[in-house]
Amino acid sequence: MATIQSAAEITPLLDRIKGQKIAALQVLGINSLKSLSPSPEALAGEVVTATDIVERIISINTASHIISFDLQRTGRVVLLEAAEPYRLAVGAVRPTVRLVMNDGSGLDLTEPAKTKRITVTIAARPK
């Protein structure tokens, strides 16, 4: 069984995306997206203003939205130096969530089990 990532291990990965523009947020786990409006597509072009992790819940803030990822027990964050939108390929391991940044980097949120438990919630910031 894989070791669980601590907040101290995840924080430097989140720090890498601060100040960057989001190119795409892909929620690939069939039951992972817990909000329908705004959609993940609404995040394209938004700049990440802040990130935080409390226990196993990651928050990514932009001027207009708050994105929350609950890693549950076994979710992991993987830094991608070269990321592009996920495309189904034979033998490829599918992440539950992929966040692609405009500079070509990104983050995958992955889980070792077949049952996908990472959840994603997108909320508009109050005006």
N, C-alpha and C. Protein backbone atom coordinates (compact mmCIF):
# COMPACT_ATOMS: atom_id res chain seq x y z
N MET A 1 0.84 -1.19 0.00
CA MET A 1 0.00 0.00 0.00
C MET A 1 0.89 1.25 0.00
N ALA A 2 0.52 2.21 -0.82
CA ALA A 2 1.30 3.44 -0.93
C ALA A 2 1.16 4.28 0.33
N THR A 3 2.21 5.00 0.65
CA THR A 3 2.14 5.88 1.81
C THR A 3 1.29 7.11 1.46
N ILE A 4 0.62 7.62 2.46
CA ILE A 4 -0.25 8.78 2.26
C ILE A 4 0.61 10.04 2.26
N GLN A 5 0.39 10.90 1.29
CA GLN A 5 1.12 12.17 1.22
C GLN A 5 0.66 13.08 2.35
N SER A 6 1.61 13.73 2.96
CA SER A 6 1.29 14.68 4.01
C SER A 6 1.07 16.07 3.39
N ALA A 7 0.47 16.95 4.16
CA ALA A 7 0.29 18.34 3.72
C ALA A 7 1.64 18.97 3.42
N ALA A 8 2.67 18.62 4.19
CA ALA A 8 4.01 19.16 3.98
C ALA A 8 4.59 18.71 2.63
N GLU A 9 4.22 17.53 2.16
CA GLU A 9 4.68 17.05 0.86
C GLU A 9 3.90 17.68 -0.29
N ILE A 10 2.63 17.97 -0.06
CA ILE A 10 1.77 18.52 -1.12
C ILE A 10 1.96 20.02 -1.29
N THR A 11 2.21 20.75 -0.22
CA THR A 11 2.32 22.22 -0.28
C THR A 11 3.32 22.71 -1.32
N PRO A 12 4.54 22.16 -1.42
CA PRO A 12 5.46 22.66 -2.46
C PRO A 12 4.96 22.43 -3.88
N LEU A 13 4.18 21.37 -4.09
CA LEU A 13 3.61 21.11 -5.41
C LEU A 13 2.57 22.18 -5.75
N LEU A 14 1.76 22.55 -4.76
CA LEU A 14 0.76 23.59 -4.96
C LEU A 14 1.41 24.96 -5.17
N ASP A 15 2.52 25.20 -4.48
CA ASP A 15 3.23 26.48 -4.62
C ASP A 15 3.68 26.72 -6.06
N ARG A 16 3.94 25.65 -6.80
CA ARG A 16 4.42 25.76 -8.18
C ARG A 16 3.37 26.35 -9.13
N ILE A 17 2.09 26.26 -8.76
CA ILE A 17 1.06 26.76 -9.67
C ILE A 17 0.55 28.16 -9.31
N LYS A 18 0.99 28.70 -8.19
CA LYS A 18 0.56 30.05 -7.80
C LYS A 18 1.03 31.06 -8.84
N GLY A 19 0.13 31.98 -9.20
CA GLY A 19 0.46 33.02 -10.17
C GLY A 19 0.33 32.57 -11.62
N GLN A 20 0.01 31.31 -11.85
CA GLN A 20 -0.10 30.80 -13.21
C GLN A 20 -1.55 30.76 -13.68
N LYS A 21 -1.73 30.79 -15.00
CA LYS A 21 -3.07 30.70 -15.59
C LYS A 21 -3.44 29.24 -15.79
N ILE A 22 -4.70 28.95 -15.52
CA ILE A 22 -5.24 27.62 -15.75
C ILE A 22 -5.60 27.48 -17.22
N ALA A 23 -5.10 26.42 -17.86
CA ALA A 23 -5.46 26.13 -19.24
C ALA A 23 -6.69 25.22 -19.27
N ALA A 24 -6.72 24.22 -18.37
CA ALA A 24 -7.85 23.28 -18.35
C ALA A 24 -7.90 22.54 -17.02
N LEU A 25 -9.10 22.24 -16.59
CA LEU A 25 -9.32 21.34 -15.46
C LEU A 25 -10.16 20.18 -16.00
N GLN A 26 -9.59 18.99 -15.96
CA GLN A 26 -10.30 17.81 -16.42
C GLN A 26 -10.65 16.95 -15.22
N VAL A 27 -11.93 16.66 -15.05
CA VAL A 27 -12.39 15.76 -14.00
C VAL A 27 -12.73 14.45 -14.69
N LEU A 28 -11.86 13.46 -14.54
CA LEU A 28 -11.96 12.21 -15.28
C LEU A 28 -12.62 11.09 -14.49
N GLY A 29 -12.73 11.25 -13.17
CA GLY A 29 -13.44 10.29 -12.34
C GLY A 29 -14.94 10.51 -12.55
N ILE A 30 -15.65 9.47 -12.90
CA ILE A 30 -17.05 9.60 -13.32
C ILE A 30 -17.94 10.22 -12.24
N ASN A 31 -17.68 9.97 -10.98
CA ASN A 31 -18.50 10.51 -9.90
C ASN A 31 -17.78 11.58 -9.09
N SER A 32 -16.68 12.10 -9.59
CA SER A 32 -15.84 13.00 -8.80
C SER A 32 -16.34 14.44 -8.75
N LEU A 33 -16.94 14.93 -9.83
CA LEU A 33 -17.38 16.32 -9.86
C LEU A 33 -18.67 16.46 -9.06
N LYS A 34 -18.63 17.26 -8.00
CA LYS A 34 -19.77 17.41 -7.10
C LYS A 34 -20.53 18.71 -7.29
N SER A 35 -20.15 19.52 -8.27
CA SER A 35 -20.88 20.75 -8.58
C SER A 35 -21.01 20.85 -10.10
N LEU A 36 -22.12 21.42 -10.56
CA LEU A 36 -22.34 21.52 -12.00
C LEU A 36 -22.17 22.93 -12.54
N SER A 37 -22.30 23.91 -11.66
CA SER A 37 -22.18 25.29 -12.10
C SER A 37 -21.39 26.06 -11.05
N PRO A 38 -20.31 26.69 -11.42
CA PRO A 38 -19.73 26.79 -12.74
C PRO A 38 -19.07 25.47 -13.17
N SER A 39 -18.88 25.33 -14.47
CA SER A 39 -18.28 24.12 -15.01
C SER A 39 -16.76 24.22 -14.98
N PRO A 40 -16.05 23.10 -15.10
CA PRO A 40 -14.58 23.16 -15.15
C PRO A 40 -14.07 24.05 -16.29
N GLU A 41 -14.80 24.11 -17.39
CA GLU A 41 -14.38 24.94 -18.52
C GLU A 41 -14.34 26.43 -18.16
N ALA A 42 -15.12 26.85 -17.17
CA ALA A 42 -15.15 28.26 -16.76
C ALA A 42 -13.84 28.71 -16.13
N LEU A 43 -12.98 27.76 -15.75
CA LEU A 43 -11.72 28.10 -15.09
C LEU A 43 -10.61 28.47 -16.08
N ALA A 44 -10.77 28.14 -17.34
CA ALA A 44 -9.73 28.42 -18.34
C ALA A 44 -9.43 29.92 -18.37
N GLY A 45 -8.14 30.25 -18.27
CA GLY A 45 -7.70 31.64 -18.28
C GLY A 45 -7.63 32.29 -16.91
N GLU A 46 -8.19 31.64 -15.88
CA GLU A 46 -8.13 32.19 -14.51
C GLU A 46 -6.71 32.04 -13.96
N VAL A 47 -6.26 33.01 -13.18
CA VAL A 47 -4.95 32.96 -12.54
C VAL A 47 -5.10 32.44 -11.12
N VAL A 48 -4.24 31.49 -10.74
CA VAL A 48 -4.25 30.95 -9.38
C VAL A 48 -3.68 32.00 -8.44
N THR A 49 -4.50 32.48 -7.50
CA THR A 49 -4.06 33.52 -6.58
C THR A 49 -3.58 32.97 -5.25
N ALA A 50 -4.09 31.81 -4.86
CA ALA A 50 -3.70 31.21 -3.57
C ALA A 50 -4.02 29.72 -3.59
N THR A 51 -3.26 28.97 -2.80
CA THR A 51 -3.51 27.55 -2.61
C THR A 51 -3.38 27.23 -1.13
N ASP A 52 -4.06 26.17 -0.70
CA ASP A 52 -4.00 25.78 0.70
C ASP A 52 -4.34 24.30 0.79
N ILE A 53 -3.86 23.66 1.83
CA ILE A 53 -4.27 22.29 2.12
C ILE A 53 -4.49 22.18 3.62
N VAL A 54 -5.64 21.68 3.98
CA VAL A 54 -5.98 21.43 5.38
C VAL A 54 -6.41 19.97 5.44
N GLU A 55 -5.66 19.20 6.21
CA GLU A 55 -5.85 17.76 6.27
C GLU A 55 -5.73 17.20 4.86
N ARG A 56 -6.76 16.69 4.25
CA ARG A 56 -6.68 16.10 2.91
C ARG A 56 -7.49 16.90 1.89
N ILE A 57 -7.83 18.14 2.23
CA ILE A 57 -8.63 18.97 1.32
C ILE A 57 -7.76 20.12 0.79
N ILE A 58 -7.66 20.16 -0.53
CA ILE A 58 -6.88 21.19 -1.22
C ILE A 58 -7.83 22.27 -1.70
N SER A 59 -7.44 23.54 -1.51
CA SER A 59 -8.20 24.67 -2.05
C SER A 59 -7.30 25.44 -3.00
N ILE A 60 -7.84 25.72 -4.17
CA ILE A 60 -7.15 26.55 -5.16
C ILE A 60 -8.08 27.72 -5.44
N ASN A 61 -7.55 28.94 -5.25
CA ASN A 61 -8.35 30.15 -5.41
C ASN A 61 -7.92 30.92 -6.65
N THR A 62 -8.92 31.48 -7.34
CA THR A 62 -8.69 32.44 -8.41
C THR A 62 -9.51 33.68 -8.05
N ALA A 63 -9.44 34.69 -8.87
CA ALA A 63 -10.22 35.90 -8.57
C ALA A 63 -11.72 35.62 -8.59
N SER A 64 -12.15 34.65 -9.40
CA SER A 64 -13.58 34.39 -9.57
C SER A 64 -14.09 33.08 -8.97
N HIS A 65 -13.18 32.14 -8.66
CA HIS A 65 -13.61 30.81 -8.25
C HIS A 65 -12.77 30.24 -7.11
N ILE A 66 -13.38 29.29 -6.42
CA ILE A 66 -12.69 28.48 -5.42
C ILE A 66 -12.88 27.03 -5.85
N ILE A 67 -11.78 26.32 -6.00
CA ILE A 67 -11.81 24.91 -6.39
C ILE A 67 -11.35 24.10 -5.19
N SER A 68 -12.13 23.10 -4.81
CA SER A 68 -11.76 22.24 -3.68
C SER A 68 -11.62 20.80 -4.17
N PHE A 69 -10.53 20.17 -3.75
CA PHE A 69 -10.28 18.77 -4.05
C PHE A 69 -10.17 18.03 -2.72
N ASP A 70 -11.00 17.05 -2.51
CA ASP A 70 -10.89 16.21 -1.30
C ASP A 70 -10.19 14.93 -1.71
N LEU A 71 -8.97 14.75 -1.21
CA LEU A 71 -8.16 13.59 -1.58
C LEU A 71 -8.59 12.30 -0.89
N GLN A 72 -9.53 12.42 0.05
CA GLN A 72 -9.97 11.25 0.81
C GLN A 72 -8.76 10.59 1.47
N ARG A 73 -8.73 9.28 1.53
CA ARG A 73 -7.63 8.58 2.22
C ARG A 73 -6.40 8.36 1.35
N THR A 74 -6.62 7.99 0.08
CA THR A 74 -5.49 7.50 -0.71
C THR A 74 -5.09 8.39 -1.88
N GLY A 75 -5.75 9.51 -2.07
CA GLY A 75 -5.42 10.39 -3.20
C GLY A 75 -4.03 10.98 -3.08
N ARG A 76 -3.39 11.14 -4.23
CA ARG A 76 -2.04 11.70 -4.28
C ARG A 76 -2.00 12.82 -5.31
N VAL A 77 -1.09 13.77 -5.09
CA VAL A 77 -0.87 14.87 -6.02
C VAL A 77 0.47 14.61 -6.69
N VAL A 78 0.46 14.65 -8.03
CA VAL A 78 1.66 14.39 -8.81
C VAL A 78 1.93 15.61 -9.68
N LEU A 79 3.13 16.18 -9.56
CA LEU A 79 3.52 17.31 -10.39
C LEU A 79 3.89 16.81 -11.78
N LEU A 80 3.38 17.49 -12.80
CA LEU A 80 3.71 17.18 -14.19
C LEU A 80 4.50 18.34 -14.76
N GLU A 81 5.74 18.10 -15.12
CA GLU A 81 6.56 19.16 -15.73
C GLU A 81 6.04 19.51 -17.11
N ALA A 82 5.55 18.50 -17.83
CA ALA A 82 4.98 18.71 -19.16
C ALA A 82 3.60 18.06 -19.17
N ALA A 83 2.56 18.88 -19.14
CA ALA A 83 1.19 18.37 -19.07
C ALA A 83 0.41 18.84 -20.29
N GLU A 84 -0.46 17.99 -20.73
CA GLU A 84 -1.41 18.37 -21.76
C GLU A 84 -2.72 17.70 -21.40
N PRO A 85 -3.82 18.16 -21.96
CA PRO A 85 -5.09 17.52 -21.63
C PRO A 85 -5.01 16.00 -21.83
N TYR A 86 -5.61 15.27 -20.90
CA TYR A 86 -5.57 13.81 -20.95
C TYR A 86 -6.38 13.30 -22.15
N ARG A 87 -5.79 12.34 -22.84
CA ARG A 87 -6.47 11.66 -23.94
C ARG A 87 -6.39 10.17 -23.66
N LEU A 88 -7.49 9.49 -23.83
CA LEU A 88 -7.54 8.06 -23.59
C LEU A 88 -6.56 7.34 -24.50
N ALA A 89 -5.73 6.50 -23.89
CA ALA A 89 -4.75 5.72 -24.65
C ALA A 89 -4.67 4.32 -24.06
N VAL A 90 -4.41 3.35 -24.90
CA VAL A 90 -4.30 1.97 -24.45
C VAL A 90 -3.16 1.85 -23.46
N GLY A 91 -3.45 1.27 -22.32
CA GLY A 91 -2.43 1.04 -21.30
C GLY A 91 -2.09 2.25 -20.43
N ALA A 92 -2.63 3.41 -20.75
CA ALA A 92 -2.32 4.61 -19.97
C ALA A 92 -3.09 4.59 -18.66
N VAL A 93 -2.45 5.05 -17.61
CA VAL A 93 -3.11 5.17 -16.32
C VAL A 93 -3.84 6.50 -16.30
N ARG A 94 -5.14 6.45 -16.04
CA ARG A 94 -5.95 7.67 -16.06
C ARG A 94 -5.98 8.29 -14.68
N PRO A 95 -5.62 9.57 -14.58
CA PRO A 95 -5.76 10.26 -13.30
C PRO A 95 -7.25 10.51 -13.02
N THR A 96 -7.58 10.78 -11.79
CA THR A 96 -8.96 11.16 -11.46
C THR A 96 -9.21 12.60 -11.88
N VAL A 97 -8.19 13.45 -11.70
CA VAL A 97 -8.28 14.87 -12.06
C VAL A 97 -6.96 15.30 -12.67
N ARG A 98 -7.02 16.12 -13.72
CA ARG A 98 -5.81 16.73 -14.28
C ARG A 98 -6.03 18.23 -14.37
N LEU A 99 -5.10 18.99 -13.82
CA LEU A 99 -5.10 20.45 -13.89
C LEU A 99 -3.92 20.84 -14.77
N VAL A 100 -4.21 21.46 -15.92
CA VAL A 100 -3.17 21.85 -16.88
C VAL A 100 -3.03 23.36 -16.81
N MET A 101 -1.78 23.82 -16.69
CA MET A 101 -1.51 25.24 -16.62
C MET A 101 -1.03 25.75 -17.98
N ASN A 102 -1.15 27.07 -18.23
CA ASN A 102 -0.75 27.65 -19.52
C ASN A 102 0.73 27.49 -19.83
N ASP A 103 1.57 27.36 -18.80
CA ASP A 103 3.01 27.22 -19.06
C ASP A 103 3.40 25.80 -19.45
N GLY A 104 2.42 24.89 -19.51
CA GLY A 104 2.70 23.51 -19.91
C GLY A 104 2.88 22.56 -18.75
N SER A 105 2.92 23.07 -17.53
CA SER A 105 3.03 22.20 -16.36
C SER A 105 1.63 21.81 -15.91
N GLY A 106 1.55 21.02 -14.86
CA GLY A 106 0.25 20.66 -14.35
C GLY A 106 0.32 19.77 -13.14
N LEU A 107 -0.85 19.36 -12.68
CA LEU A 107 -0.97 18.45 -11.54
C LEU A 107 -1.95 17.35 -11.90
N ASP A 108 -1.61 16.13 -11.52
CA ASP A 108 -2.56 15.02 -11.57
C ASP A 108 -2.94 14.67 -10.15
N LEU A 109 -4.20 14.39 -9.93
CA LEU A 109 -4.68 13.83 -8.68
C LEU A 109 -5.03 12.39 -8.99
N THR A 110 -4.35 11.48 -8.33
CA THR A 110 -4.47 10.06 -8.66
C THR A 110 -4.87 9.25 -7.44
N GLU A 111 -5.35 8.05 -7.71
CA GLU A 111 -5.73 7.12 -6.65
C GLU A 111 -5.33 5.71 -7.08
N PRO A 112 -4.86 4.90 -6.15
CA PRO A 112 -4.43 3.55 -6.52
C PRO A 112 -5.58 2.58 -6.74
N ALA A 113 -6.71 2.83 -6.16
CA ALA A 113 -7.83 1.88 -6.22
C ALA A 113 -8.70 2.12 -7.45
N LYS A 114 -9.48 1.10 -7.80
CA LYS A 114 -10.42 1.26 -8.92
C LYS A 114 -11.58 2.16 -8.53
N THR A 115 -11.97 2.14 -7.28
CA THR A 115 -13.03 3.01 -6.80
C THR A 115 -12.45 4.41 -6.61
N LYS A 116 -12.95 5.36 -7.37
CA LYS A 116 -12.43 6.73 -7.32
C LYS A 116 -13.20 7.53 -6.28
N ARG A 117 -12.49 8.05 -5.30
CA ARG A 117 -13.14 8.77 -4.20
C ARG A 117 -12.76 10.24 -4.12
N ILE A 118 -11.76 10.68 -4.88
CA ILE A 118 -11.41 12.11 -4.88
C ILE A 118 -12.63 12.87 -5.38
N THR A 119 -12.97 13.96 -4.68
CA THR A 119 -14.09 14.78 -5.12
C THR A 119 -13.60 16.18 -5.48
N VAL A 120 -14.34 16.82 -6.40
CA VAL A 120 -14.01 18.15 -6.90
C VAL A 120 -15.26 19.01 -6.77
N THR A 121 -15.10 20.19 -6.17
CA THR A 121 -16.18 21.16 -6.07
C THR A 121 -15.66 22.49 -6.58
N ILE A 122 -16.43 23.12 -7.45
CA ILE A 122 -16.08 24.43 -7.98
C ILE A 122 -17.18 25.40 -7.56
N ALA A 123 -16.77 26.50 -6.95
CA ALA A 123 -17.74 27.50 -6.51
C ALA A 123 -17.31 28.88 -7.02
N ALA A 124 -18.29 29.67 -7.40
CA ALA A 124 -18.02 31.06 -7.77
C ALA A 124 -17.77 31.85 -6.50
N ARG A 125 -16.81 32.75 -6.54
CA ARG A 125 -16.57 33.62 -5.38
C ARG A 125 -17.72 34.61 -5.25
N PRO A 126 -18.16 34.85 -4.03
CA PRO A 126 -19.21 35.87 -3.84
C PRO A 126 -18.69 37.24 -4.28
N LYS A 127 -19.57 38.01 -4.88
CA LYS A 127 -19.15 39.35 -5.36
C LYS A 127 -19.45 40.40 -4.35
